[in-house]
Protein backbone atom coordinates (compact mmCIF):
# COMPACT_ATOMS: atom_id res chain seq x y z
CA THR A 1 -17.14 16.47 6.50
CA THR A 2 -14.97 19.56 6.34
CA PRO A 3 -11.20 19.88 6.78
CA TYR A 4 -11.90 21.24 10.27
CA ASP A 5 -13.55 17.93 11.19
CA LEU A 6 -10.25 16.12 10.63
CA ASN A 7 -8.13 15.58 13.72
CA LEU A 8 -5.53 13.16 15.01
CA ASP A 9 -8.19 10.73 16.22
CA SER A 10 -10.16 10.66 12.95
CA LEU A 11 -6.94 10.17 10.97
CA GLY A 12 -5.88 7.36 13.31
CA MET A 13 -2.70 9.20 14.33
CA HIS A 14 -3.26 9.61 18.07
CA ALA A 15 -0.21 8.50 20.05
CA ASP A 16 -0.82 6.48 23.19
CA GLN A 17 1.24 4.69 25.84
CA SER A 18 2.28 1.98 23.36
CA THR A 19 4.24 4.46 21.25
CA PHE A 20 6.69 5.57 23.93
CA CYS A 21 10.16 4.03 23.62
CA ARG A 22 9.03 2.08 20.54
CA PHE A 23 9.90 3.92 17.34
CA ASP A 24 8.32 1.19 15.20
CA LYS A 25 4.96 1.65 16.92
CA PHE A 26 5.29 5.43 16.72
CA ASN A 27 5.83 5.19 12.96
CA LEU A 28 2.65 3.11 12.59
CA LYS A 29 0.68 5.87 14.35
CA TYR A 30 2.35 8.49 12.17
CA ASN A 31 0.65 7.14 9.02
CA PRO A 32 -2.63 8.99 8.30
CA LEU A 33 -5.44 6.42 8.04
CA GLY A 34 -2.72 3.76 8.36
CA MET A 35 -1.35 4.57 4.90
CA GLY A 36 2.38 5.23 4.61
CA ASP A 37 1.96 6.73 1.14
CA LEU A 38 -0.16 9.54 2.60
CA ARG A 39 2.62 10.28 5.05
CA ASN A 40 5.18 10.41 2.25
CA ILE A 41 3.00 12.68 0.13
CA PHE A 42 1.80 15.10 2.81
CA LEU A 43 4.00 14.88 5.90
CA LYS A 44 7.57 14.79 4.63
CA THR A 45 10.01 17.61 3.91
CA ASP A 46 11.87 15.89 1.09
CA ASN A 47 9.14 14.57 -1.19
CA VAL A 48 8.13 15.35 -4.78
CA ILE A 49 6.36 18.57 -3.74
CA LYS A 50 9.39 19.53 -1.61
CA GLY A 51 7.39 19.45 1.61
CA ARG A 52 5.10 22.28 0.51
CA TYR A 53 1.91 20.82 2.04
CA PHE A 54 3.70 19.94 5.27
CA ALA A 55 5.06 23.49 5.41
CA MET A 56 1.59 24.94 4.84
CA ILE A 57 0.00 23.02 7.71
CA THR A 58 3.03 23.74 9.89
CA GLN A 59 2.65 27.47 9.23
CA GLU A 60 -1.06 27.22 10.02
CA LEU A 61 -0.21 25.58 13.34
CA PHE A 62 2.33 28.30 14.09
CA ASN A 63 -0.27 30.97 13.32
CA ASP A 64 -2.82 29.32 15.61
CA LEU A 65 -0.26 29.08 18.40
CA GLU A 66 0.67 32.77 18.04
CA GLU A 67 -2.97 33.71 18.56
CA SER A 68 -3.31 31.46 21.59
CA LYS A 69 -2.10 32.86 24.88
CA TYR A 70 -2.05 29.64 26.90
CA GLN A 71 -1.02 26.96 24.41
CA ASN A 72 2.44 25.69 23.62
CA ALA A 73 3.73 22.98 21.34
CA GLU A 74 6.87 20.94 21.07
CA TYR A 75 7.40 20.45 17.37
CA ARG A 76 9.44 17.43 16.30
CA ILE A 77 10.79 16.29 12.97
CA SER A 78 12.77 13.08 12.66
CA ILE A 79 16.40 13.07 11.59
CA TYR A 80 17.32 9.56 10.51
CA GLY A 81 21.07 9.99 10.06
CA ARG A 82 21.10 8.25 6.69
CA ASP A 83 22.79 11.12 4.88
CA ALA A 84 25.38 13.70 5.94
CA ALA A 85 23.33 16.43 4.22
CA GLU A 86 20.14 15.66 6.17
CA TRP A 87 20.49 18.62 8.56
CA ASP A 88 21.27 20.98 5.68
CA SER A 89 18.24 19.71 3.79
CA LEU A 90 15.94 20.20 6.77
CA ALA A 91 17.36 23.67 7.43
CA GLY A 92 16.81 24.56 3.78
CA TRP A 93 13.19 23.41 4.02
CA VAL A 94 12.64 25.61 7.10
CA VAL A 95 14.21 28.65 5.42
CA ASP A 96 12.54 28.09 2.03
CA HIS A 97 9.10 27.96 3.64
CA LYS A 98 9.84 30.70 6.20
CA LEU A 99 8.98 28.45 9.15
CA TYR A 100 10.56 30.60 11.81
CA SER A 101 9.52 33.39 14.09
CA PRO A 102 10.63 36.87 12.95
């Protein structure tokens, strides 16, 4: 198995009808292989590695989309509203990892 063989289905992260309007069910699908620790390590912006891996795969997605003429994506990151500095933290992550179009 290579990294290119991994996809949303093989990681068990494919959203279906049950996830709409149910944030709890969406969160269960958002855990790679059903493991919340993997999500915290690899798919968060504010973890021990400061979201570096998440930024790397995000940039790879952006690069793939730039090369594709007929594909679009709606990228979403959750804001929980637990901290007044949450927006500033997310903006800092985007800027630090240069996740914007020039």
